[in-house]
């Protein structure tokens, strides 16, 4: 019988790898089909995994095998310690969200290296907001910084899904030096997005599992985090009708997002609103028409109308219940319908998930012979045969 070869690893590195991947001890043990006690022994140094077992752990933790052979715990960006909410300490995140945060940080580091390789510096993004500002004034700061005029804000009514507005605002935010990515692994119930608020090359990540109108609001919410220079993971499902129990920064970022997307003066000049009168009741047609024009969700619009004293919380609660019933009915209809296979457009997915600035850096370095086609494929998660199509799609080349 062949002798088992045990891996010579540091137990503290095994613990760090698991914790930094967002797994509790029992979760990791279950995932690789071993007893929790055995994994605990490995992390305490009482025994050691075999090489195949260590390789399985590396796959689970999304780490290169070589990382688990390090002789000490790496320093630097620590996912769980860098994100805190006031008075609550580090948050407990799922492995999927933890990995998305780590991947976003790694992409930023890669982008910095690629910029340095071509002799360019990342644009600086200063802290333009603070929590004492009036949200309306803060919204104007956001629009001025992005060079978005009032006239450009209510022109999205022809887009049924809200993608035009999302792409418009995303391009504006990317132009000022922010990397915008879309997460694909995270449940929509856990997080709407997060921000890595560095003074140079900050990162905003929004959840692709959300509909475009929700992603748009999340985009502006996270951008407010960037302009506050405070990193954070956000869940837009906070109860803003009870502000006393909500984190002040989340309430502020929500208010800034709303004021940026729907400025008071522009919104109140909307023909549907200006002719509505003072009633706090709105028809579904009125709500849908206004929300589409600004590219926002119906719930976001109603909350904005509450802020402007054009409706009230009882109306919002009724509509929220209605919308959730409609969503559930739609979900059940879709589940009952026979599945229709939809071919994946991998270049389009890459463009959507990575954004033009990041893709431009990767492909630009490839054309200057600083990256191989294989490296481009790996960084963008594409087969090499798709790279040329992505280039044409992103830049018309």
Protein backbone atom coordinates (compact mmCIF):
# COMPACT_ATOMS: atom_id res chain seq x y z
CA UNK A 1 0.00 0.00 0.00
CA UNK A 2 1.36 3.39 -0.98
CA UNK A 3 2.24 5.61 1.95
CA UNK A 4 0.15 8.76 2.29
CA UNK A 5 2.16 11.95 1.90
CA UNK A 6 1.10 14.64 4.36
CA UNK A 7 1.32 18.30 3.42
CA UNK A 8 3.78 20.35 5.45
CA UNK A 9 1.58 23.37 6.08
CA UNK A 10 1.26 25.91 8.84
CA UNK A 11 -2.01 25.43 10.77
CA UNK A 12 -2.50 29.20 11.12
CA UNK A 13 -2.36 29.54 7.31
CA UNK A 14 -5.12 26.92 6.98
CA UNK A 15 -7.28 28.85 9.46
CA UNK A 16 -6.61 32.13 7.68
CA UNK A 17 -7.45 30.64 4.27
CA UNK A 18 -10.79 29.33 5.53
CA UNK A 19 -11.78 32.47 7.41
CA UNK A 20 -10.73 34.80 4.59
CA UNK A 21 -12.88 32.75 2.22
CA UNK A 22 -15.93 33.29 4.46
CA UNK A 23 -16.38 29.71 5.70
CA UNK A 24 -17.22 28.61 9.22
CA UNK A 25 -15.40 25.45 10.32
CA UNK A 26 -18.46 23.21 9.91
CA UNK A 27 -19.30 24.70 6.50
CA UNK A 28 -15.85 23.99 5.10
CA UNK A 29 -15.79 20.47 6.54
CA UNK A 30 -19.18 19.67 5.04
CA UNK A 31 -18.16 21.09 1.66
CA UNK A 32 -15.16 18.75 1.38
CA UNK A 33 -16.95 15.81 3.05
CA UNK A 34 -14.83 15.32 6.16
CA UNK A 35 -15.58 15.45 9.87
CA UNK A 36 -15.42 18.90 11.44
CA UNK A 37 -13.11 17.49 14.12
CA UNK A 38 -10.56 16.46 11.50
CA UNK A 39 -10.47 19.92 9.90
CA UNK A 40 -10.14 21.41 13.39
CA UNK A 41 -7.14 19.13 14.04
CA UNK A 42 -5.47 20.38 10.86
CA UNK A 43 -5.97 24.00 11.91
CA UNK A 44 -4.65 23.28 15.41
CA UNK A 45 -1.58 21.49 14.08
CA UNK A 46 -2.55 18.17 15.68
CA UNK A 47 -2.53 16.44 12.29
CA UNK A 48 -2.08 17.42 8.64
CA UNK A 49 -3.99 16.92 5.38
CA UNK A 50 -2.67 14.90 2.50
CA UNK A 51 -1.65 16.67 -0.70
CA UNK A 52 -4.96 15.73 -2.44
CA UNK A 53 -6.92 16.97 0.59
CA UNK A 54 -4.96 20.22 0.58
CA UNK A 55 -5.67 20.63 -3.13
CA UNK A 56 -9.40 20.19 -2.38
CA UNK A 57 -9.18 22.91 0.28
CA UNK A 58 -7.41 25.25 -2.14
CA UNK A 59 -10.21 24.75 -4.67
CA UNK A 60 -12.88 25.42 -2.03
CA UNK A 61 -11.15 28.55 -0.73
CA UNK A 62 -10.42 29.83 -4.27
CA UNK A 63 -6.70 30.04 -3.54
CA UNK A 64 -3.70 28.77 -5.52
CA UNK A 65 -2.32 25.63 -3.90
CA UNK A 66 1.00 27.42 -3.36
CA UNK A 67 -0.69 29.94 -1.03
CA UNK A 68 -1.52 27.19 1.46
CA UNK A 69 2.18 26.32 1.69
CA UNK A 70 3.12 29.84 2.88
CA UNK A 71 5.09 29.89 6.10
CA UNK A 72 3.11 32.76 7.60
CA UNK A 73 -0.26 34.40 7.19
CA UNK A 74 -0.23 37.03 4.40
CA UNK A 75 -0.77 40.64 5.38
CA UNK A 76 -2.61 43.31 3.43
CA UNK A 77 -6.23 43.43 2.35
CA UNK A 78 -8.35 41.38 4.77
CA UNK A 79 -11.92 41.03 3.55
CA UNK A 80 -13.67 40.55 6.87
CA UNK A 81 -11.76 43.23 8.80
CA UNK A 82 -11.98 45.99 6.20
CA UNK A 83 -15.78 46.13 6.15
CA UNK A 84 -17.52 47.28 9.30
CA UNK A 85 -20.82 48.86 10.19
CA UNK A 86 -20.99 51.47 12.94
CA UNK A 87 -20.96 49.81 16.38
CA UNK A 88 -21.22 46.28 15.01
CA UNK A 89 -17.65 45.27 14.19
CA UNK A 90 -16.80 42.88 11.36
CA UNK A 91 -19.77 41.46 9.47
CA UNK A 92 -20.34 37.80 8.69
CA UNK A 93 -20.54 37.33 4.93
CA UNK A 94 -21.23 34.28 2.80
CA UNK A 95 -18.28 32.65 1.03
CA UNK A 96 -19.69 33.92 -2.28
CA UNK A 97 -19.73 37.57 -1.15
CA UNK A 98 -16.37 37.22 0.56
CA UNK A 99 -14.85 35.91 -2.66
CA UNK A 100 -16.42 38.67 -4.76
CA UNK A 101 -14.86 41.29 -2.46
CA UNK A 102 -11.48 39.59 -2.71
CA UNK A 103 -11.73 39.27 -6.51
CA UNK A 104 -12.63 42.97 -6.83
CA UNK A 105 -9.55 43.89 -4.80
CA UNK A 106 -7.38 41.63 -6.96
CA UNK A 107 -8.73 43.19 -10.15
CA UNK A 108 -7.95 46.64 -8.79
CA UNK A 109 -4.37 45.59 -8.02
CA UNK A 110 -4.05 44.18 -11.54
CA UNK A 111 -5.42 47.40 -13.04
CA UNK A 112 -2.87 49.44 -11.08
CA UNK A 113 -0.06 47.22 -12.39
CA UNK A 114 -1.32 47.49 -15.96
CA UNK A 115 -1.53 51.28 -15.68
CA UNK A 116 2.02 51.41 -14.35
CA UNK A 117 3.21 49.21 -17.21
CA UNK A 118 2.01 51.76 -19.75
CA UNK A 119 3.31 54.70 -17.70
CA UNK A 120 -0.04 56.09 -16.58
CA UNK A 121 -1.39 56.98 -13.14
CA UNK A 122 -4.85 56.24 -11.83
CA UNK A 123 -7.15 59.24 -11.51
CA UNK A 124 -7.54 60.52 -7.97
CA UNK A 125 -11.09 60.57 -6.56
CA UNK A 126 -11.30 62.98 -3.65
CA UNK A 127 -13.69 62.83 -0.73
CA UNK A 128 -16.33 65.25 -2.01
CA UNK A 129 -19.08 64.33 0.46
CA UNK A 130 -19.51 64.18 4.21
CA UNK A 131 -22.37 62.91 6.34
CA UNK A 132 -23.32 66.42 7.48
CA UNK A 133 -24.24 67.55 3.97
CA UNK A 134 -27.81 68.06 2.87
CA UNK A 135 -28.57 65.11 0.53
CA UNK A 136 -29.99 67.46 -2.13
CA UNK A 137 -26.77 69.45 -2.16
CA UNK A 138 -24.79 66.22 -2.16
CA UNK A 139 -26.75 64.99 -5.18
CA UNK A 140 -25.80 68.14 -7.07
CA UNK A 141 -22.14 67.57 -6.13
CA UNK A 142 -22.40 64.09 -7.61
CA UNK A 143 -23.97 65.31 -10.86
CA UNK A 144 -21.52 68.21 -11.21
CA UNK A 145 -18.56 65.90 -10.65
CA UNK A 146 -19.90 63.50 -13.28
CA UNK A 147 -20.77 66.41 -15.63
CA UNK A 148 -24.38 65.28 -15.95
CA UNK A 149 -26.84 68.05 -16.79
CA UNK A 150 -30.42 68.24 -15.57
CA UNK A 151 -31.60 67.92 -19.17
CA UNK A 152 -30.06 64.44 -19.43
CA UNK A 153 -31.89 63.01 -16.45
CA UNK A 154 -35.40 62.17 -17.62
CA UNK A 155 -34.81 60.82 -21.12
CA UNK A 156 -34.92 57.07 -20.45
CA UNK A 157 -38.65 56.40 -20.83
CA UNK A 158 -38.28 54.36 -24.02
CA UNK A 159 -36.31 51.65 -22.21
CA UNK A 160 -38.64 49.11 -20.61
CA UNK A 161 -35.96 47.45 -18.45
CA UNK A 162 -33.83 50.40 -17.38
CA UNK A 163 -30.59 49.30 -19.06
CA UNK A 164 -30.05 52.59 -20.92
CA UNK A 165 -30.08 54.60 -17.69
CA UNK A 166 -27.79 52.07 -15.96
CA UNK A 167 -25.26 52.17 -18.80
CA UNK A 168 -25.43 55.98 -18.98
CA UNK A 169 -24.63 56.46 -15.28
CA UNK A 170 -22.06 53.65 -15.25
CA UNK A 171 -20.13 55.22 -18.13
CA UNK A 172 -20.15 58.59 -16.34
CA UNK A 173 -18.78 57.05 -13.12
CA UNK A 174 -16.14 55.08 -15.00
CA UNK A 175 -14.97 58.28 -16.75
CA UNK A 176 -13.92 59.84 -13.43
CA UNK A 177 -11.63 56.92 -12.57
CA UNK A 178 -13.85 54.38 -10.81
CA UNK A 179 -13.79 50.71 -11.77
CA UNK A 180 -17.34 49.34 -11.95
CA UNK A 181 -17.79 45.57 -11.88
CA UNK A 182 -20.86 43.36 -11.67
CA UNK A 183 -20.94 40.45 -9.22
CA UNK A 184 -22.43 37.17 -10.40
CA UNK A 185 -21.99 34.87 -7.38
CA UNK A 186 -23.86 36.74 -4.64
CA UNK A 187 -27.49 36.22 -3.69
CA UNK A 188 -29.65 39.27 -4.30
CA UNK A 189 -31.00 38.86 -0.76
CA UNK A 190 -27.56 39.26 0.82
CA UNK A 191 -26.09 42.35 -0.82
CA UNK A 192 -26.92 44.84 -3.54
CA UNK A 193 -23.34 45.95 -3.91
CA UNK A 194 -20.18 47.12 -2.21
CA UNK A 195 -17.48 49.76 -2.57
CA UNK A 196 -13.70 49.70 -2.16
CA UNK A 197 -13.18 53.37 -1.46
CA UNK A 198 -9.52 53.97 -2.23
CA UNK A 199 -8.40 57.52 -3.07
CA UNK A 200 -7.04 56.22 -6.37
CA UNK A 201 -8.79 53.68 -8.57
CA UNK A 202 -11.74 52.99 -6.24
CA UNK A 203 -14.06 50.11 -7.07
CA UNK A 204 -17.84 49.82 -7.13
CA UNK A 205 -19.44 46.39 -7.49
CA UNK A 206 -23.16 45.92 -8.14
CA UNK A 207 -25.12 42.67 -8.08
CA UNK A 208 -25.99 41.40 -11.55
CA UNK A 209 -28.79 39.27 -10.08
CA UNK A 210 -30.76 42.46 -9.37
CA UNK A 211 -32.89 44.05 -12.11
CA UNK A 212 -31.28 47.02 -13.92
CA UNK A 213 -33.33 49.65 -12.06
CA UNK A 214 -32.19 48.29 -8.71
CA UNK A 215 -28.61 48.02 -9.94
CA UNK A 216 -28.75 51.69 -10.95
CA UNK A 217 -29.76 52.78 -7.46
CA UNK A 218 -27.09 50.52 -5.97
CA UNK A 219 -24.50 52.03 -8.34
CA UNK A 220 -25.20 55.54 -7.08
CA UNK A 221 -25.41 54.36 -3.48
CA UNK A 222 -21.95 52.77 -3.72
CA UNK A 223 -20.59 55.80 -5.56
CA UNK A 224 -21.68 57.90 -2.59
CA UNK A 225 -19.59 55.56 -0.42
CA UNK A 226 -16.63 56.26 -2.71
CA UNK A 227 -17.10 60.03 -2.41
CA UNK A 228 -17.27 59.63 1.36
CA UNK A 229 -14.15 57.45 1.13
CA UNK A 230 -15.78 54.82 3.31
CA UNK A 231 -15.80 51.26 2.05
CA UNK A 232 -18.85 49.15 2.75
CA UNK A 233 -21.20 46.36 1.78
CA UNK A 234 -24.75 47.54 1.21
CA UNK A 235 -28.19 46.02 1.39
CA UNK A 236 -30.81 48.37 -0.03
CA UNK A 237 -33.56 46.55 1.90
CA UNK A 238 -33.12 48.70 5.01
CA UNK A 239 -36.31 50.04 6.56
CA UNK A 240 -35.92 53.74 5.82
CA UNK A 241 -39.29 54.43 7.48
CA UNK A 242 -37.49 53.78 10.81
CA UNK A 243 -34.29 55.83 10.50
CA UNK A 244 -33.43 55.68 14.20
CA UNK A 245 -32.39 52.02 13.96
CA UNK A 246 -30.56 52.29 10.63
CA UNK A 247 -26.85 53.01 10.04
CA UNK A 248 -26.49 56.74 9.31
CA UNK A 249 -24.12 56.18 6.39
CA UNK A 250 -26.56 53.82 4.64
CA UNK A 251 -29.43 56.27 5.02
CA UNK A 252 -27.24 59.09 3.73
CA UNK A 253 -26.02 57.11 0.71
CA UNK A 254 -29.60 56.13 -0.14
CA UNK A 255 -30.69 59.76 0.08
CA UNK A 256 -27.77 60.93 -2.08
CA UNK A 257 -28.49 58.24 -4.68
CA UNK A 258 -32.13 59.34 -4.88
CA UNK A 259 -31.24 63.04 -5.07
CA UNK A 260 -28.65 62.34 -7.78
CA UNK A 261 -30.99 60.28 -9.95
CA UNK A 262 -34.14 62.33 -9.31
CA UNK A 263 -33.26 65.94 -8.40
CA UNK A 264 -36.11 67.72 -6.68
CA UNK A 265 -36.54 70.48 -9.28
CA UNK A 266 -36.29 68.16 -12.26
CA UNK A 267 -38.66 65.60 -10.78
CA UNK A 268 -41.31 68.12 -9.77
CA UNK A 269 -41.31 69.53 -13.32
CA UNK A 270 -42.20 66.13 -14.74
CA UNK A 271 -45.54 66.62 -16.56
CA UNK A 272 -47.24 63.74 -14.75
CA UNK A 273 -46.24 65.11 -11.34
CA UNK A 274 -46.91 68.76 -12.13
CA UNK A 275 -50.46 67.95 -13.26
CA UNK A 276 -51.21 65.46 -10.49
CA UNK A 277 -52.35 67.83 -7.79
CA UNK A 278 -51.79 67.36 -4.06
CA UNK A 279 -53.30 63.91 -3.64
CA UNK A 280 -51.03 61.31 -2.03
CA UNK A 281 -52.58 58.57 -4.15
CA UNK A 282 -50.95 57.68 -7.47
CA UNK A 283 -52.10 55.28 -10.15
CA UNK A 284 -49.93 52.41 -11.31
CA UNK A 285 -49.72 54.06 -14.73
CA UNK A 286 -48.47 57.33 -13.24
CA UNK A 287 -45.82 55.60 -11.12
CA UNK A 288 -44.62 53.41 -13.99
CA UNK A 289 -44.43 56.35 -16.41
CA UNK A 290 -42.34 58.54 -14.12
CA UNK A 291 -40.06 55.70 -12.96
CA UNK A 292 -39.26 54.69 -16.55
CA UNK A 293 -38.46 58.26 -17.51
CA UNK A 294 -35.72 58.42 -14.86
CA UNK A 295 -34.65 54.78 -15.23
CA UNK A 296 -35.43 53.95 -11.59
CA UNK A 297 -37.56 51.36 -9.84
CA UNK A 298 -41.13 52.08 -8.82
CA UNK A 299 -40.25 51.70 -5.12
CA UNK A 300 -37.35 54.15 -5.42
CA UNK A 301 -39.63 56.69 -7.04
CA UNK A 302 -42.31 56.36 -4.35
CA UNK A 303 -39.74 56.80 -1.57
CA UNK A 304 -38.48 59.91 -3.36
CA UNK A 305 -42.04 61.24 -3.55
CA UNK A 306 -42.34 60.69 0.20
CA UNK A 307 -39.19 62.77 0.73
CA UNK A 308 -40.76 65.53 -1.35
CA UNK A 309 -44.04 65.23 0.63
CA UNK A 310 -46.02 64.14 -2.42
CA UNK A 311 -47.13 60.84 -0.88
CA UNK A 312 -46.81 58.96 2.43
CA UNK A 313 -45.60 55.74 4.04
CA UNK A 314 -48.99 53.96 4.07
CA UNK A 315 -49.13 54.36 0.26
CA UNK A 316 -45.58 53.01 -0.03
CA UNK A 317 -46.35 49.98 2.14
CA UNK A 318 -49.42 49.13 0.04
CA UNK A 319 -47.48 49.42 -3.18
CA UNK A 320 -44.52 47.44 -1.85
CA UNK A 321 -46.89 44.59 -0.93
CA UNK A 322 -48.48 44.79 -4.38
CA UNK A 323 -45.13 44.74 -6.18
CA UNK A 324 -43.91 41.75 -4.20
CA UNK A 325 -47.07 39.81 -4.97
CA UNK A 326 -46.64 40.68 -8.65
CA UNK A 327 -43.02 39.56 -8.54
CA UNK A 328 -43.89 36.25 -6.91
CA UNK A 329 -46.65 35.58 -9.42
CA UNK A 330 -44.28 36.34 -12.28
CA UNK A 331 -41.63 34.07 -10.76
CA UNK A 332 -44.15 31.22 -10.48
CA UNK A 333 -45.26 31.69 -14.09
CA UNK A 334 -41.67 31.57 -15.26
CA UNK A 335 -40.99 28.47 -13.18
CA UNK A 336 -44.04 26.72 -14.65
CA UNK A 337 -43.17 27.58 -18.25
CA UNK A 338 -40.97 25.13 -20.17
CA UNK A 339 -37.35 26.33 -20.10
CA UNK A 340 -36.09 27.97 -23.25
CA UNK A 341 -32.36 27.53 -23.79
CA UNK A 342 -30.70 30.88 -24.32
CA UNK A 343 -27.21 30.77 -25.83
CA UNK A 344 -24.69 32.71 -23.78
CA UNK A 345 -22.92 35.64 -25.35
CA UNK A 346 -19.61 35.41 -23.49
CA UNK A 347 -18.02 38.62 -24.90
CA UNK A 348 -21.13 40.60 -23.95
CA UNK A 349 -21.13 39.08 -20.46
CA UNK A 350 -17.46 39.98 -20.03
CA UNK A 351 -18.12 43.58 -21.12
CA UNK A 352 -21.03 43.83 -18.71
CA UNK A 353 -19.18 42.30 -15.77
CA UNK A 354 -15.75 43.94 -16.16
CA UNK A 355 -16.54 47.30 -17.80
CA UNK A 356 -14.72 49.07 -20.63
CA UNK A 357 -11.92 50.67 -18.56
CA UNK A 358 -10.68 47.38 -17.11
CA UNK A 359 -11.06 45.54 -20.41
CA UNK A 360 -9.26 48.38 -22.19
CA UNK A 361 -6.29 48.08 -19.82
CA UNK A 362 -6.04 44.32 -20.33
CA UNK A 363 -6.40 44.37 -24.11
CA UNK A 364 -4.22 47.47 -24.44
CA UNK A 365 -1.36 45.74 -22.64
CA UNK A 366 -1.87 42.70 -24.85
CA UNK A 367 -1.43 44.79 -28.01
CA UNK A 368 1.75 46.24 -26.56
CA UNK A 369 3.06 42.69 -26.01
CA UNK A 370 3.01 43.00 -22.24
CA UNK A 371 0.40 40.25 -21.83
CA UNK A 372 -0.07 36.98 -23.66
CA UNK A 373 -3.39 35.98 -25.19
CA UNK A 374 -3.60 33.26 -22.55
CA UNK A 375 -3.20 35.84 -19.77
CA UNK A 376 -5.91 38.03 -21.32
CA UNK A 377 -8.19 34.99 -21.46
CA UNK A 378 -7.52 34.21 -17.80
CA UNK A 379 -8.01 37.76 -16.53
CA UNK A 380 -11.33 38.18 -18.38
CA UNK A 381 -12.66 34.65 -17.92
CA UNK A 382 -12.97 34.09 -21.67
CA UNK A 383 -11.77 31.53 -24.14
CA UNK A 384 -9.07 32.95 -26.39
CA UNK A 385 -11.38 32.69 -29.41
CA UNK A 386 -13.74 35.26 -27.82
CA UNK A 387 -11.12 37.96 -27.20
CA UNK A 388 -11.27 39.45 -30.70
CA UNK A 389 -15.06 39.68 -30.58
CA UNK A 390 -14.88 41.35 -27.16
CA UNK A 391 -12.44 43.89 -28.57
CA UNK A 392 -14.82 44.77 -31.41
CA UNK A 393 -17.80 44.89 -29.07
CA UNK A 394 -16.13 47.15 -26.52
CA UNK A 395 -14.19 49.48 -28.82
CA UNK A 396 -15.43 48.92 -32.38
CA UNK A 397 -11.95 47.84 -33.47
